[in-house]
Amino acid sequence: MGSNTVHLLVVDAHPGARPLPAYSHKAELRLAELLDEQGAISEAGVDRLVATVADAMRVAEDKGVEDVLPFATSAVREAANGEAVLARVEQETGVGLTVLSGEDEARLTFLAVRRWFGWSAGRLLVLDIGGGSLEIGFGMDEYPDAAVSLPLGAGRLTSTGLRADPPTADDVRALRRRVRAEIARTVAEFARLGTPDLAVGTSKTFRQLARIAGAARSAEGLYVQRTLRRSALEAWVPKLAAMSAQKRAELPGVSAGRARQLLAGALVAEGAMDLFGVDELDMCPWALREGVILRKLDVMVADTAAGPVTSAPGTPVQAPGTPARNGGAGSTLAPWRG
């Protein structure tokens, strides 16, 4: 359950094998844009959420899913009524959602990227722009040495900073300053760790930006290398700012549901690449969902081999079938608690 989309991804997965997507079921709710003035998800938004989760579980049953890992990200995590929303979802659908922290998101996304590119990629800098937050991770290993989550999601910024369509020049400048100030506070923490050998972008926002900048279409397959150059992105930002959402939706690879958010996402991407000194990002098709699945498989292997497990020295992991954080009874997701 993300800030933009409730997404059921069905995979054929077992320890030692690459998770193979078998079916995908999505509903665009854009929860980050359904918050009221007090920061709570509106009643209408909760109704839609409950109905969407119930529908996703019916699909899971139809597809013969054996194990479900239900989790939520920043839209629910930061909603003023988040606990009440979780309770209602569980009461009406039987689904107990684990709510990932921002650091959980960054670490699990980093794990997915590391597994995709492998050890030969060296030090990784990973950027992920969601609907509610920006995650940044850096490190040499399977989990990052530094990981942060910033409230710079494309949906959140659009609803709070770019209300007009197309936006005014003053609003674009103000949002650009806000984004860069927020990112700049974190740069020193990552700079002390060295220079990345590979910088990676993951998420729908980055893939759409890469596509309009000339990257290969998704129809050409997962294994085609796709990159986003900062020079190309800088050329596109003023063009996107001058377009209405309807015009952006006509660009290659841009969906109508995401078109309105694309400018905010571009401002975040441009700011992060500039402040971190990144000239080019490689796109990764794996992100948070794959990280959650890989983590689950790792825990299964460790449970089988050695009984009680730790996710890092001195760090306990939730074993499959135990109650999850935030009321997720029966969830098998083992979030990072580093």
C-alpha atoms as a PDB file:
ATOM      1  CA  MET A   1       0.000   0.000   0.000  1.00  0.00           C
ATOM      2  CA  GLY A   2       1.960   2.978  -1.300  1.00  0.00           C
ATOM      3  CA  SER A   3       1.248   6.678  -1.402  1.00  0.00           C
ATOM      4  CA  ASN A   4       0.158   6.422  -5.041  1.00  0.00           C
ATOM      5  CA  THR A   5      -0.895   2.839  -5.622  1.00  0.00           C
ATOM      6  CA  VAL A   6      -2.236  -0.205  -3.838  1.00  0.00           C
ATOM      7  CA  HIS A   7      -0.356  -2.923  -5.695  1.00  0.00           C
ATOM      8  CA  LEU A   8      -0.719  -6.678  -5.366  1.00  0.00           C
ATOM      9  CA  LEU A   9       2.315  -8.320  -6.957  1.00  0.00           C
ATOM     10  CA  VAL A  10       2.020 -12.102  -7.259  1.00  0.00           C
ATOM     11  CA  VAL A  11       5.363 -13.862  -7.606  1.00  0.00           C
ATOM     12  CA  ASP A  12       6.648 -17.389  -7.926  1.00  0.00           C
ATOM     13  CA  ALA A  13       9.327 -17.240  -5.248  1.00  0.00           C
ATOM     14  CA  HIS A  14      11.406 -19.688  -3.283  1.00  0.00           C
ATOM     15  CA  PRO A  15      14.803 -19.519  -1.561  1.00  0.00           C
ATOM     16  CA  GLY A  16      17.738 -19.534  -3.954  1.00  0.00           C
ATOM     17  CA  ALA A  17      15.734 -18.431  -6.998  1.00  0.00           C
ATOM     18  CA  ARG A  18      14.944 -15.097  -8.590  1.00  0.00           C
ATOM     19  CA  PRO A  19      11.373 -13.999  -7.749  1.00  0.00           C
ATOM     20  CA  LEU A  20       9.389 -14.305 -10.983  1.00  0.00           C
ATOM     21  CA  PRO A  21       6.398 -11.964 -11.363  1.00  0.00           C
ATOM     22  CA  ALA A  22       3.290 -13.977 -12.220  1.00  0.00           C
ATOM     23  CA  TYR A  23       0.520 -11.380 -11.971  1.00  0.00           C
ATOM     24  CA  SER A  24       0.107  -7.709 -11.119  1.00  0.00           C
ATOM     25  CA  HIS A  25      -3.050  -6.027  -9.802  1.00  0.00           C
ATOM     26  CA  LYS A  26      -3.024  -2.253  -9.218  1.00  0.00           C
ATOM     27  CA  ALA A  27      -5.381   0.483  -8.124  1.00  0.00           C
ATOM     28  CA  GLU A  28      -4.288   4.119  -8.125  1.00  0.00           C
ATOM     29  CA  LEU A  29      -5.679   5.757  -4.971  1.00  0.00           C
ATOM     30  CA  ARG A  30      -3.045   8.514  -4.536  1.00  0.00           C
ATOM     31  CA  LEU A  31      -3.469   8.501  -0.753  1.00  0.00           C
ATOM     32  CA  ALA A  32      -0.876  11.280  -0.401  1.00  0.00           C
ATOM     33  CA  GLU A  33      -3.377  13.577  -2.114  1.00  0.00           C
ATOM     34  CA  LEU A  34      -6.378  12.458   0.000  1.00  0.00           C
ATOM     35  CA  LEU A  35      -5.274  14.015   3.286  1.00  0.00           C
ATOM     36  CA  ASP A  36      -7.442  16.640   4.968  1.00  0.00           C
ATOM     37  CA  GLU A  37      -6.182  19.815   6.633  1.00  0.00           C
ATOM     38  CA  GLN A  38      -5.317  17.883   9.805  1.00  0.00           C
ATOM     39  CA  GLY A  39      -3.199  15.399   7.863  1.00  0.00           C
ATOM     40  CA  ALA A  40      -5.711  12.552   8.168  1.00  0.00           C
ATOM     41  CA  ILE A  41      -6.853  10.290   5.352  1.00  0.00           C
ATOM     42  CA  SER A  42     -10.394  11.363   4.498  1.00  0.00           C
ATOM     43  CA  GLU A  43     -13.376   9.104   5.187  1.00  0.00           C
ATOM     44  CA  ALA A  44     -13.872   8.663   1.458  1.00  0.00           C
ATOM     45  CA  GLY A  45     -10.215   7.731   1.120  1.00  0.00           C
ATOM     46  CA  VAL A  46     -10.482   5.106   3.861  1.00  0.00           C
ATOM     47  CA  ASP A  47     -13.595   3.653   2.214  1.00  0.00           C
ATOM     48  CA  ARG A  48     -11.738   3.335  -1.097  1.00  0.00           C
ATOM     49  CA  LEU A  49      -8.729   1.835   0.660  1.00  0.00           C
ATOM     50  CA  VAL A  50     -10.759  -0.848   2.433  1.00  0.00           C
ATOM     51  CA  ALA A  51     -12.567  -1.760  -0.794  1.00  0.00           C
ATOM     52  CA  THR A  52      -9.284  -1.930  -2.716  1.00  0.00           C
ATOM     53  CA  VAL A  53      -7.582  -4.165  -0.143  1.00  0.00           C
ATOM     54  CA  ALA A  54     -10.600  -6.488  -0.102  1.00  0.00           C
ATOM     55  CA  ASP A  55     -10.521  -6.657  -3.897  1.00  0.00           C
ATOM     56  CA  ALA A  56      -6.780  -7.386  -3.902  1.00  0.00           C
ATOM     57  CA  MET A  57      -7.263 -10.261  -1.457  1.00  0.00           C
ATOM     58  CA  ARG A  58      -9.971 -11.756  -3.670  1.00  0.00           C
ATOM     59  CA  VAL A  59      -7.501 -11.628  -6.561  1.00  0.00           C
ATOM     60  CA  ALA A  60      -4.811 -13.255  -4.398  1.00  0.00           C
ATOM     61  CA  GLU A  61      -7.189 -16.099  -3.585  1.00  0.00           C
ATOM     62  CA  ASP A  62      -8.132 -16.517  -7.247  1.00  0.00           C
ATOM     63  CA  LYS A  63      -4.442 -16.738  -8.197  1.00  0.00           C
ATOM     64  CA  GLY A  64      -3.685 -19.400  -5.599  1.00  0.00           C
ATOM     65  CA  VAL A  65      -1.387 -17.242  -3.486  1.00  0.00           C
ATOM     66  CA  GLU A  66       0.039 -19.206  -0.548  1.00  0.00           C
ATOM     67  CA  ASP A  67       1.571 -16.389   1.499  1.00  0.00           C
ATOM     68  CA  VAL A  68       0.786 -12.666   1.618  1.00  0.00           C
ATOM     69  CA  LEU A  69       3.163  -9.959   2.814  1.00  0.00           C
ATOM     70  CA  PRO A  70       0.929  -6.906   3.309  1.00  0.00           C
ATOM     71  CA  PHE A  71       2.729  -3.646   4.065  1.00  0.00           C
ATOM     72  CA  ALA A  72       2.136   0.093   3.936  1.00  0.00           C
ATOM     73  CA  THR A  73       4.473   3.039   3.430  1.00  0.00           C
ATOM     74  CA  SER A  74       4.516   6.769   4.126  1.00  0.00           C
ATOM     75  CA  ALA A  75       0.897   7.726   3.365  1.00  0.00           C
ATOM     76  CA  VAL A  76      -0.414   5.540   6.195  1.00  0.00           C
ATOM     77  CA  ARG A  77       2.702   5.908   8.350  1.00  0.00           C
ATOM     78  CA  GLU A  78       2.357   9.682   8.518  1.00  0.00           C
ATOM     79  CA  ALA A  79      -1.427  10.053   8.440  1.00  0.00           C
ATOM     80  CA  ALA A  80      -2.865  11.580  11.604  1.00  0.00           C
ATOM     81  CA  ASN A  81      -5.429   8.759  11.725  1.00  0.00           C
ATOM     82  CA  GLY A  82      -3.047   6.022  10.609  1.00  0.00           C
ATOM     83  CA  GLU A  83      -3.725   3.672  13.533  1.00  0.00           C
ATOM     84  CA  ALA A  84      -7.487   3.961  13.034  1.00  0.00           C
ATOM     85  CA  VAL A  85      -7.076   3.279   9.312  1.00  0.00           C
ATOM     86  CA  LEU A  86      -5.028   0.143  10.030  1.00  0.00           C
ATOM     87  CA  ALA A  87      -7.600  -1.074  12.545  1.00  0.00           C
ATOM     88  CA  ARG A  88     -10.472  -0.583  10.126  1.00  0.00           C
ATOM     89  CA  VAL A  89      -8.658  -2.319   7.269  1.00  0.00           C
ATOM     90  CA  GLU A  90      -7.961  -5.328   9.490  1.00  0.00           C
ATOM     91  CA  GLN A  91     -11.487  -5.406  10.907  1.00  0.00           C
ATOM     92  CA  GLU A  92     -13.194  -5.302   7.501  1.00  0.00           C
ATOM     93  CA  THR A  93     -10.748  -7.318   5.372  1.00  0.00           C
ATOM     94  CA  GLY A  94      -8.781  -9.467   7.816  1.00  0.00           C
ATOM     95  CA  VAL A  95      -5.526  -7.976   6.494  1.00  0.00           C
ATOM     96  CA  GLY A  96      -3.065  -6.844   9.166  1.00  0.00           C
ATOM     97  CA  LEU A  97      -0.711  -4.362   7.549  1.00  0.00           C
ATOM     98  CA  THR A  98       2.872  -3.908   8.657  1.00  0.00           C
ATOM     99  CA  VAL A  99       3.848  -0.229   8.425  1.00  0.00           C
ATOM    100  CA  LEU A 100       7.410   0.224   7.254  1.00  0.00           C
ATOM    101  CA  SER A 101       9.454   3.084   8.630  1.00  0.00           C
ATOM    102  CA  GLY A 102      11.184   5.379   6.147  1.00  0.00           C
ATOM    103  CA  GLU A 103      14.489   3.752   7.018  1.00  0.00           C
ATOM    104  CA  ASP A 104      12.953   0.304   6.446  1.00  0.00           C
ATOM    105  CA  GLU A 105      11.922   1.448   2.976  1.00  0.00           C
ATOM    106  CA  ALA A 106      15.394   2.745   2.144  1.00  0.00           C
ATOM    107  CA  ARG A 107      17.140  -0.397   3.422  1.00  0.00           C
ATOM    108  CA  LEU A 108      14.849  -2.876   1.686  1.00  0.00           C
ATOM    109  CA  THR A 109      14.993  -0.950  -1.589  1.00  0.00           C
ATOM    110  CA  PHE A 110      18.776  -0.931  -1.322  1.00  0.00           C
ATOM    111  CA  LEU A 111      18.746  -4.719  -0.812  1.00  0.00           C
ATOM    112  CA  ALA A 112      16.726  -5.181  -4.003  1.00  0.00           C
ATOM    113  CA  VAL A 113      19.089  -2.963  -5.995  1.00  0.00           C
ATOM    114  CA  ARG A 114      22.170  -4.753  -4.641  1.00  0.00           C
ATOM    115  CA  ARG A 115      20.745  -8.143  -5.612  1.00  0.00           C
ATOM    116  CA  TRP A 116      19.888  -6.849  -9.093  1.00  0.00           C
ATOM    117  CA  PHE A 117      23.304  -5.353  -9.883  1.00  0.00           C
ATOM    118  CA  GLY A 118      25.451  -7.685  -7.758  1.00  0.00           C
ATOM    119  CA  TRP A 119      28.682  -7.198  -5.872  1.00  0.00           C
ATOM    120  CA  SER A 120      30.604  -6.028  -8.932  1.00  0.00           C
ATOM    121  CA  ALA A 121      28.692  -2.729  -8.787  1.00  0.00           C
ATOM    122  CA  GLY A 122      30.793  -1.685  -5.783  1.00  0.00           C
ATOM    123  CA  ARG A 123      29.575   1.206  -3.655  1.00  0.00           C
ATOM    124  CA  LEU A 124      25.949   1.986  -4.492  1.00  0.00           C
ATOM    125  CA  LEU A 125      24.029   5.223  -4.151  1.00  0.00           C
ATOM    126  CA  VAL A 126      20.311   4.428  -4.457  1.00  0.00           C
ATOM    127  CA  LEU A 127      17.573   7.046  -4.944  1.00  0.00           C
ATOM    128  CA  ASP A 128      13.868   6.157  -4.841  1.00  0.00           C
ATOM    129  CA  ILE A 129      11.086   8.718  -5.333  1.00  0.00           C
ATOM    130  CA  GLY A 130       7.704   7.540  -4.121  1.00  0.00           C
ATOM    131  CA  GLY A 131       4.395   9.314  -3.781  1.00  0.00           C
ATOM    132  CA  GLY A 132       5.058  10.370  -0.192  1.00  0.00           C
ATOM    133  CA  SER A 133       8.809  10.255   0.335  1.00  0.00           C
ATOM    134  CA  LEU A 134      12.307  10.148  -1.140  1.00  0.00           C
ATOM    135  CA  GLU A 135      14.537   7.317   0.072  1.00  0.00           C
ATOM    136  CA  ILE A 136      18.321   7.471  -0.170  1.00  0.00           C
ATOM    137  CA  GLY A 137      20.739   4.650   0.596  1.00  0.00           C
ATOM    138  CA  PHE A 138      24.522   4.274   0.254  1.00  0.00           C
ATOM    139  CA  GLY A 139      26.846   1.376   0.957  1.00  0.00           C
ATOM    140  CA  MET A 140      29.096  -1.515  -0.016  1.00  0.00           C
ATOM    141  CA  ASP A 141      27.076  -4.387   1.403  1.00  0.00           C
ATOM    142  CA  GLU A 142      23.575  -5.833   1.050  1.00  0.00           C
ATOM    143  CA  TYR A 143      22.201  -3.231   3.438  1.00  0.00           C
ATOM    144  CA  PRO A 144      23.312   0.407   3.291  1.00  0.00           C
ATOM    145  CA  ASP A 145      25.799   2.087   5.583  1.00  0.00           C
ATOM    146  CA  ALA A 146      23.572   5.184   5.548  1.00  0.00           C
ATOM    147  CA  ALA A 147      19.864   5.398   4.779  1.00  0.00           C
ATOM    148  CA  VAL A 148      17.392   8.262   5.080  1.00  0.00           C
ATOM    149  CA  SER A 149      13.805   8.992   4.133  1.00  0.00           C
ATOM    150  CA  LEU A 150      12.734  12.553   3.338  1.00  0.00           C
ATOM    151  CA  PRO A 151       9.168  13.919   2.969  1.00  0.00           C
ATOM    152  CA  LEU A 152       9.757  14.660  -0.718  1.00  0.00           C
ATOM    153  CA  GLY A 153       7.378  12.311  -2.511  1.00  0.00           C
ATOM    154  CA  ALA A 154       5.996  13.429  -5.864  1.00  0.00           C
ATOM    155  CA  GLY A 155       2.361  13.165  -4.764  1.00  0.00           C
ATOM    156  CA  ARG A 156       2.894  14.957  -1.468  1.00  0.00           C
ATOM    157  CA  LEU A 157       4.784  17.842  -3.099  1.00  0.00           C
ATOM    158  CA  THR A 158       2.232  18.218  -5.875  1.00  0.00           C
ATOM    159  CA  SER A 159      -0.699  18.474  -3.487  1.00  0.00           C
ATOM    160  CA  THR A 160       1.046  20.955  -1.201  1.00  0.00           C
ATOM    161  CA  GLY A 161       3.159  23.003  -3.599  1.00  0.00           C
ATOM    162  CA  LEU A 162       1.883  22.752  -7.171  1.00  0.00           C
ATOM    163  CA  ARG A 163      -1.869  23.216  -6.957  1.00  0.00           C
ATOM    164  CA  ALA A 164      -2.345  25.095 -10.257  1.00  0.00           C
ATOM    165  CA  ASP A 165      -2.321  23.263 -13.586  1.00  0.00           C
ATOM    166  CA  PRO A 166       0.007  24.209 -15.133  1.00  0.00           C
ATOM    167  CA  PRO A 167       1.808  25.531 -12.035  1.00  0.00           C
ATOM    168  CA  THR A 168       2.849  29.136 -11.624  1.00  0.00           C
ATOM    169  CA  ALA A 169       6.502  30.068 -12.007  1.00  0.00           C
ATOM    170  CA  ASP A 170       6.587  31.278  -8.385  1.00  0.00           C
ATOM    171  CA  ASP A 171       5.267  27.938  -7.113  1.00  0.00           C
ATOM    172  CA  VAL A 172       7.858  26.015  -9.138  1.00  0.00           C
ATOM    173  CA  ARG A 173      10.705  28.185  -7.785  1.00  0.00           C
ATOM    174  CA  ALA A 174       9.438  27.860  -4.223  1.00  0.00           C
ATOM    175  CA  LEU A 175       9.164  24.079  -4.498  1.00  0.00           C
ATOM    176  CA  ARG A 176      12.631  23.843  -6.043  1.00  0.00           C
ATOM    177  CA  ARG A 177      14.093  25.768  -3.066  1.00  0.00           C
ATOM    178  CA  ARG A 178      12.187  23.596  -0.588  1.00  0.00           C
ATOM    179  CA  VAL A 179      13.349  20.353  -2.198  1.00  0.00           C
ATOM    180  CA  ARG A 180      16.988  21.359  -2.403  1.00  0.00           C
ATOM    181  CA  ALA A 181      17.098  22.657   1.167  1.00  0.00           C
ATOM    182  CA  GLU A 182      15.716  19.347   2.459  1.00  0.00           C
ATOM    183  CA  ILE A 183      18.142  17.211   0.453  1.00  0.00           C
ATOM    184  CA  ALA A 184      21.141  19.418   1.241  1.00  0.00           C
ATOM    185  CA  ARG A 185      20.775  18.656   4.965  1.00  0.00           C
ATOM    186  CA  THR A 186      21.617  15.001   4.293  1.00  0.00           C
ATOM    187  CA  VAL A 187      24.480  15.330   1.796  1.00  0.00           C
ATOM    188  CA  ALA A 188      27.279  15.551   4.385  1.00  0.00           C
ATOM    189  CA  GLU A 189      26.153  12.291   6.015  1.00  0.00           C
ATOM    190  CA  PHE A 190      26.661  10.466   2.711  1.00  0.00           C
ATOM    191  CA  ALA A 191      29.728  12.392   1.503  1.00  0.00           C
ATOM    192  CA  ARG A 192      31.837  11.119   4.395  1.00  0.00           C
ATOM    193  CA  LEU A 193      31.314   7.554   3.133  1.00  0.00           C
ATOM    194  CA  GLY A 194      33.066   8.195  -0.173  1.00  0.00           C
ATOM    195  CA  THR A 195      32.141   8.360  -3.833  1.00  0.00           C
ATOM    196  CA  PRO A 196      29.681   5.823  -5.249  1.00  0.00           C
ATOM    197  CA  ASP A 197      30.846   3.444  -7.963  1.00  0.00           C
ATOM    198  CA  LEU A 198      27.290   3.285  -9.319  1.00  0.00           C
ATOM    199  CA  ALA A 199      24.332   5.614  -8.815  1.00  0.00           C
ATOM    200  CA  VAL A 200      20.915   4.018  -9.275  1.00  0.00           C
ATOM    201  CA  GLY A 201      17.381   5.336  -9.615  1.00  0.00           C
ATOM    202  CA  THR A 202      14.380   3.175  -8.879  1.00  0.00           C
ATOM    203  CA  SER A 203      10.618   3.803  -8.843  1.00  0.00           C
ATOM    204  CA  LYS A 204       7.995   4.686 -11.408  1.00  0.00           C
ATOM    205  CA  THR A 205       8.938   8.371 -11.300  1.00  0.00           C
ATOM    206  CA  PHE A 206      12.539   7.728 -12.311  1.00  0.00           C
ATOM    207  CA  ARG A 207      11.504   5.267 -15.010  1.00  0.00           C
ATOM    208  CA  GLN A 208       9.101   7.792 -16.534  1.00  0.00           C
ATOM    209  CA  LEU A 209      11.728  10.539 -16.454  1.00  0.00           C
ATOM    210  CA  ALA A 210      14.263   8.227 -18.107  1.00  0.00           C
ATOM    211  CA  ARG A 211      11.715   7.265 -20.765  1.00  0.00           C
ATOM    212  CA  ILE A 212      10.896  10.849 -21.783  1.00  0.00           C
ATOM    213  CA  ALA A 213      14.635  11.540 -21.837  1.00  0.00           C
ATOM    214  CA  GLY A 214      15.140   8.795 -24.407  1.00  0.00           C
ATOM    215  CA  ALA A 215      15.488   5.498 -22.516  1.00  0.00           C
ATOM    216  CA  ALA A 216      14.147   2.271 -24.008  1.00  0.00           C
ATOM    217  CA  ARG A 217      10.458   1.393 -23.687  1.00  0.00           C
ATOM    218  CA  SER A 218       9.392  -1.091 -21.026  1.00  0.00           C
ATOM    219  CA  ALA A 219       8.230  -3.406 -23.831  1.00  0.00           C
ATOM    220  CA  GLU A 220      11.872  -3.971 -24.756  1.00  0.00           C
ATOM    221  CA  GLY A 221      12.398  -5.981 -21.584  1.00  0.00           C
ATOM    222  CA  LEU A 222      13.863  -5.802 -18.084  1.00  0.00           C
ATOM    223  CA  TYR A 223      17.444  -6.381 -19.098  1.00  0.00           C
ATOM    224  CA  VAL A 224      17.893  -3.446 -21.469  1.00  0.00           C
ATOM    225  CA  GLN A 225      20.133  -0.875 -19.825  1.00  0.00           C
ATOM    226  CA  ARG A 226      18.294   2.361 -19.116  1.00  0.00           C
ATOM    227  CA  THR A 227      19.899   5.540 -17.834  1.00  0.00           C
ATOM    228  CA  LEU A 228      18.903   9.068 -16.931  1.00  0.00           C
ATOM    229  CA  ARG A 229      21.438  11.819 -17.533  1.00  0.00           C
ATOM    230  CA  ARG A 230      21.268  14.950 -15.416  1.00  0.00           C
ATOM    231  CA  SER A 231      21.813  17.173 -18.452  1.00  0.00           C
ATOM    232  CA  ALA A 232      18.736  15.673 -20.126  1.00  0.00           C
ATOM    233  CA  LEU A 233      16.676  16.030 -16.955  1.00  0.00           C
ATOM    234  CA  GLU A 234      17.681  19.677 -16.555  1.00  0.00           C
ATOM    235  CA  ALA A 235      16.506  20.333 -20.104  1.00  0.00           C
ATOM    236  CA  TRP A 236      13.147  18.675 -19.416  1.00  0.00           C
ATOM    237  CA  VAL A 237      12.264  20.415 -16.133  1.00  0.00           C
ATOM    238  CA  PRO A 238      11.283  23.791 -17.676  1.00  0.00           C
ATOM    239  CA  LYS A 239       9.341  21.972 -20.399  1.00  0.00           C
ATOM    240  CA  LEU A 240       7.378  19.987 -17.833  1.00  0.00           C
ATOM    241  CA  ALA A 241       6.730  23.139 -15.812  1.00  0.00           C
ATOM    242  CA  ALA A 242       5.127  24.783 -18.841  1.00  0.00           C
ATOM    243  CA  MET A 243       2.839  21.816 -19.570  1.00  0.00           C
ATOM    244  CA  SER A 244      -0.552  20.953 -18.189  1.00  0.00           C
ATOM    245  CA  ALA A 245      -1.080  17.474 -16.733  1.00  0.00           C
ATOM    246  CA  GLN A 246      -3.015  16.556 -19.857  1.00  0.00           C
ATOM    247  CA  LYS A 247      -0.051  17.439 -22.070  1.00  0.00           C
ATOM    248  CA  ARG A 248       2.395  15.545 -19.855  1.00  0.00           C
ATOM    249  CA  ALA A 249       0.193  12.457 -20.175  1.00  0.00           C
ATOM    250  CA  GLU A 250       0.870  12.530 -23.919  1.00  0.00           C
ATOM    251  CA  LEU A 251       4.617  12.066 -23.351  1.00  0.00           C
ATOM    252  CA  PRO A 252       6.082   8.588 -23.957  1.00  0.00           C
ATOM    253  CA  GLY A 253       5.819   6.329 -20.939  1.00  0.00           C
ATOM    254  CA  VAL A 254       3.807   8.790 -18.804  1.00  0.00           C
ATOM    255  CA  SER A 255       0.476   7.527 -17.470  1.00  0.00           C
ATOM    256  CA  ALA A 256      -2.480   9.840 -17.011  1.00  0.00           C
ATOM    257  CA  GLY A 257      -2.606   9.006 -13.295  1.00  0.00           C
ATOM    258  CA  ARG A 258       1.008  10.067 -12.740  1.00  0.00           C
ATOM    259  CA  ALA A 259       1.197  13.007 -15.137  1.00  0.00           C
ATOM    260  CA  ARG A 260       0.256  15.647 -12.585  1.00  0.00           C
ATOM    261  CA  GLN A 261       3.026  14.487 -10.214  1.00  0.00           C
ATOM    262  CA  LEU A 262       5.752  14.279 -12.826  1.00  0.00           C
ATOM    263  CA  LEU A 263       7.063  17.839 -12.428  1.00  0.00           C
ATOM    264  CA  ALA A 264       7.456  17.503  -8.663  1.00  0.00           C
ATOM    265  CA  GLY A 265       9.241  14.187  -9.181  1.00  0.00           C
ATOM    266  CA  ALA A 266      11.531  15.808 -11.753  1.00  0.00           C
ATOM    267  CA  LEU A 267      12.428  18.608  -9.329  1.00  0.00           C
ATOM    268  CA  VAL A 268      13.324  16.041  -6.661  1.00  0.00           C
ATOM    269  CA  ALA A 269      15.358  13.945  -9.113  1.00  0.00           C
ATOM    270  CA  GLU A 270      17.191  16.983 -10.458  1.00  0.00           C
ATOM    271  CA  GLY A 271      17.946  18.297  -6.979  1.00  0.00           C
ATOM    272  CA  ALA A 272      19.217  14.946  -5.705  1.00  0.00           C
ATOM    273  CA  MET A 273      21.427  14.321  -8.741  1.00  0.00           C
ATOM    274  CA  ASP A 274      22.865  17.839  -8.564  1.00  0.00           C
ATOM    275  CA  LEU A 275      23.523  17.914  -4.813  1.00  0.00           C
ATOM    276  CA  PHE A 276      25.029  14.421  -4.774  1.00  0.00           C
ATOM    277  CA  GLY A 277      27.153  15.184  -7.845  1.00  0.00           C
ATOM    278  CA  VAL A 278      25.583  12.461  -9.991  1.00  0.00           C
ATOM    279  CA  ASP A 279      25.765  12.947 -13.752  1.00  0.00           C
ATOM    280  CA  GLU A 280      23.999   9.713 -14.670  1.00  0.00           C
ATOM    281  CA  LEU A 281      21.664   7.235 -12.964  1.00  0.00           C
ATOM    282  CA  ASP A 282      21.205   3.622 -13.982  1.00  0.00           C
ATOM    283  CA  MET A 283      17.585   2.495 -13.721  1.00  0.00           C
ATOM    284  CA  CYS A 284      16.759  -0.590 -11.654  1.00  0.00           C
ATOM    285  CA  PRO A 285      13.500  -2.487 -12.252  1.00  0.00           C
ATOM    286  CA  TRP A 286      13.542  -3.867  -8.697  1.00  0.00           C
ATOM    287  CA  ALA A 287      12.566  -1.700  -5.735  1.00  0.00           C
ATOM    288  CA  LEU A 288      10.786  -1.934  -2.367  1.00  0.00           C
ATOM    289  CA  ARG A 289       8.360  -4.767  -3.184  1.00  0.00           C
ATOM    290  CA  GLU A 290      11.183  -6.979  -4.419  1.00  0.00           C
ATOM    291  CA  GLY A 291      13.236  -6.043  -1.347  1.00  0.00           C
ATOM    292  CA  VAL A 292      10.403  -7.189   0.924  1.00  0.00           C
ATOM    293  CA  ILE A 293      10.158 -10.503  -0.945  1.00  0.00           C
ATOM    294  CA  LEU A 294      13.927 -11.076  -0.896  1.00  0.00           C
ATOM    295  CA  ARG A 295      14.042 -10.313   2.818  1.00  0.00           C
ATOM    296  CA  LYS A 296      11.255 -12.812   3.442  1.00  0.00           C
ATOM    297  CA  LEU A 297      13.127 -15.506   1.495  1.00  0.00           C
ATOM    298  CA  ASP A 298      16.328 -14.768   3.449  1.00  0.00           C
ATOM    299  CA  VAL A 299      14.445 -15.230   6.728  1.00  0.00           C
ATOM    300  CA  MET A 300      12.958 -18.511   5.482  1.00  0.00           C
ATOM    301  CA  VAL A 301      16.422 -19.849   4.692  1.00  0.00           C
ATOM    302  CA  ALA A 302      17.848 -18.729   8.016  1.00  0.00           C
ATOM    303  CA  ASP A 303      14.896 -20.166   9.969  1.00  0.00           C
ATOM    304  CA  THR A 304      15.319 -23.522   8.259  1.00  0.00           C
ATOM    305  CA  ALA A 305      19.066 -23.650   8.778  1.00  0.00           C
ATOM    306  CA  ALA A 306      19.512 -22.244  12.243  1.00  0.00           C
ATOM    307  CA  GLY A 307      16.280 -21.609  14.097  1.00  0.00           C
ATOM    308  CA  PRO A 308      16.234 -18.133  15.727  1.00  0.00           C
ATOM    309  CA  VAL A 309      17.603 -15.478  13.374  1.00  0.00           C
ATOM    310  CA  THR A 310      19.061 -11.991  13.567  1.00  0.00           C
ATOM    311  CA  SER A 311      18.895  -9.503  10.711  1.00  0.00           C
ATOM    312  CA  ALA A 312      22.118  -7.823  11.818  1.00  0.00           C
ATOM    313  CA  PRO A 313      24.370  -8.390  14.838  1.00  0.00           C
ATOM    314  CA  GLY A 314      22.147  -8.052  17.882  1.00  0.00           C
ATOM    315  CA  THR A 315      19.056  -7.191  15.829  1.00  0.00           C
ATOM    316  CA  PRO A 316      16.010  -9.502  16.155  1.00  0.00           C
ATOM    317  CA  VAL A 317      13.834 -10.411  13.206  1.00  0.00           C
ATOM    318  CA  GLN A 318      10.150 -11.230  13.211  1.00  0.00           C
ATOM    319  CA  ALA A 319       9.718 -14.899  12.390  1.00  0.00           C
ATOM    320  CA  PRO A 320       7.076 -15.973   9.872  1.00  0.00           C
ATOM    321  CA  GLY A 321       3.593 -16.094  11.351  1.00  0.00           C
ATOM    322  CA  THR A 322       4.249 -13.877  14.394  1.00  0.00           C
ATOM    323  CA  PRO A 323       2.281 -10.675  14.994  1.00  0.00           C
ATOM    324  CA  ALA A 324       3.627  -7.741  13.011  1.00  0.00           C
ATOM    325  CA  ARG A 325       4.213  -4.203  14.148  1.00  0.00           C
ATOM    326  CA  ASN A 326       1.205  -1.906  14.182  1.00  0.00           C
ATOM    327  CA  GLY A 327      -1.395  -4.607  14.512  1.00  0.00           C
ATOM    328  CA  GLY A 328      -0.416  -6.829  11.597  1.00  0.00           C
ATOM    329  CA  ALA A 329      -1.331 -10.166  13.140  1.00  0.00           C
ATOM    330  CA  GLY A 330      -0.416 -13.027  10.889  1.00  0.00           C
ATOM    331  CA  SER A 331       1.879 -10.992   8.646  1.00  0.00           C
ATOM    332  CA  THR A 332       5.103 -12.665   7.628  1.00  0.00           C
ATOM    333  CA  LEU A 333       7.027  -9.527   6.729  1.00  0.00           C
ATOM    334  CA  ALA A 334      10.221  -9.095   8.724  1.00  0.00           C
ATOM    335  CA  PRO A 335      11.029  -5.372   8.645  1.00  0.00           C
ATOM    336  CA  TRP A 336      14.539  -4.114   9.249  1.00  0.00           C
ATOM    337  CA  ARG A 337      15.075  -2.775  12.737  1.00  0.00           C
ATOM    338  CA  GLY A 338      18.662  -1.533  12.407  1.00  0.00           C
END
